[in-house]
C-alpha atoms as a PDB file:
ATOM      1  CA  MET A   1      77.180  95.631 192.269  1.00  0.00           C
ATOM      2  CA  ASP A   2      80.420  97.414 191.625  1.00  0.00           C
ATOM      3  CA  ILE A   3      81.145  99.783 188.740  1.00  0.00           C
ATOM      4  CA  SER A   4      83.346  97.359 186.788  1.00  0.00           C
ATOM      5  CA  ALA A   5      80.555  94.763 186.698  1.00  0.00           C
ATOM      6  CA  ILE A   6      78.142  97.358 185.318  1.00  0.00           C
ATOM      7  CA  GLY A   7      80.669  98.339 182.663  1.00  0.00           C
ATOM      8  CA  ALA A   8      81.277  94.712 181.705  1.00  0.00           C
ATOM      9  CA  ALA A   9      77.540  94.069 181.454  1.00  0.00           C
ATOM     10  CA  SER A  10      77.140  97.130 179.247  1.00  0.00           C
ATOM     11  CA  ILE A  11      79.927  95.974 176.931  1.00  0.00           C
ATOM     12  CA  ASP A  12      78.448  92.462 176.756  1.00  0.00           C
ATOM     13  CA  LEU A  13      75.035  93.874 175.879  1.00  0.00           C
ATOM     14  CA  SER A  14      76.511  96.127 173.211  1.00  0.00           C
ATOM     15  CA  MET A  15      78.505  93.281 171.666  1.00  0.00           C
ATOM     16  CA  GLY A  16      75.405  91.067 171.667  1.00  0.00           C
ATOM     17  CA  LYS A  17      73.421  93.722 169.829  1.00  0.00           C
ATOM     18  CA  ALA A  18      76.195  94.163 167.268  1.00  0.00           C
ATOM     19  CA  GLN A  19      76.391  90.424 166.682  1.00  0.00           C
ATOM     20  CA  THR A  20      72.617  90.200 166.282  1.00  0.00           C
ATOM     21  CA  ASN A  21      72.675  93.046 163.748  1.00  0.00           C
ATOM     22  CA  VAL A  22      75.370  91.283 161.726  1.00  0.00           C
ATOM     23  CA  GLU A  23      73.420  88.017 161.790  1.00  0.00           C
ATOM     24  CA  VAL A  24      70.229  89.760 160.640  1.00  0.00           C
ATOM     25  CA  GLU A  25      72.049  91.451 157.754  1.00  0.00           C
ATOM     26  CA  MET A  26      73.592  88.123 156.692  1.00  0.00           C
ATOM     27  CA  LEU A  27      70.154  86.490 156.747  1.00  0.00           C
ATOM     28  CA  LYS A  28      68.738  89.332 154.627  1.00  0.00           C
ATOM     29  CA  LYS A  29      71.518  88.876 152.071  1.00  0.00           C
ATOM     30  CA  THR A  30      70.952  85.122 152.028  1.00  0.00           C
ATOM     31  CA  MET A  31      67.202  85.593 151.528  1.00  0.00           C
ATOM     32  CA  ASN A  32      67.808  88.039 148.670  1.00  0.00           C
ATOM     33  CA  LEU A  33      70.217  85.598 147.022  1.00  0.00           C
ATOM     34  CA  GLU A  34      67.666  82.778 147.365  1.00  0.00           C
ATOM     35  CA  LYS A  35      64.998  85.031 145.836  1.00  0.00           C
ATOM     36  CA  VAL A  36      67.206  85.768 142.824  1.00  0.00           C
ATOM     37  CA  MET A  37      68.099  82.104 142.414  1.00  0.00           C
ATOM     38  CA  ALA A  38      64.430  81.059 142.595  1.00  0.00           C
ATOM     39  CA  ALA A  39      63.468  83.649 139.983  1.00  0.00           C
ATOM     40  CA  SER A  40      66.263  82.411 137.741  1.00  0.00           C
ATOM     41  CA  LEU A  41      65.108  78.800 138.168  1.00  0.00           C
ATOM     42  CA  ILE A  42      61.514  79.709 137.326  1.00  0.00           C
ATOM     43  CA  GLU A  43      62.658  81.634 134.261  1.00  0.00           C
ATOM     44  CA  SER A  44      64.785  78.736 133.044  1.00  0.00           C
ATOM     45  CA  MET A  45      61.908  76.301 133.580  1.00  0.00           C
ATOM     46  CA  GLN A  46      59.566  78.534 131.607  1.00  0.00           C
ATOM     47  CA  THR A  47      61.969  78.723 128.669  1.00  0.00           C
ATOM     48  CA  ALA A  48      62.504  74.952 128.768  1.00  0.00           C
ATOM     49  CA  ALA A  49      58.779  74.143 128.802  1.00  0.00           C
ATOM     50  CA  PRO A  50      57.479  73.233 125.349  1.00  0.00           C
ATOM     51  CA  ARG A  51      55.166  75.947 124.098  1.00  0.00           C
ATOM     52  CA  SER A  52      54.331  74.367 120.799  1.00  0.00           C
ATOM     53  CA  PHE A  53      51.823  72.065 122.493  1.00  0.00           C
ATOM     54  CA  GLY A  54      50.154  74.801 124.464  1.00  0.00           C
ATOM     55  CA  HIS A  55      51.754  73.810 127.776  1.00  0.00           C
ATOM     56  CA  ARG A  56      52.759  76.501 130.189  1.00  0.00           C
ATOM     57  CA  LEU A  57      54.374  76.253 133.582  1.00  0.00           C
ATOM     58  CA  ASP A  58      52.018  77.482 136.277  1.00  0.00           C
ATOM     59  CA  VAL A  59      54.395  79.294 138.636  1.00  0.00           C
ATOM     60  CA  LEU A  60      51.576  80.442 140.896  1.00  0.00           C
ATOM     61  CA  ALA A  61      50.426  76.944 141.849  1.00  0.00           C
END
């Protein structure tokens, strides 16, 4: 194996790691956004549920 092939393989590996890191960070941001949206949905459902009849939304079910 010549030196240029080793260098190219090293660059490819480094670029792959960088791309994986970016993808993981994007997934983390997406998961956090989904978490916030789910909490907002649960909160809006709880405020919309009639409380005068003793009904409550069971968010743990």
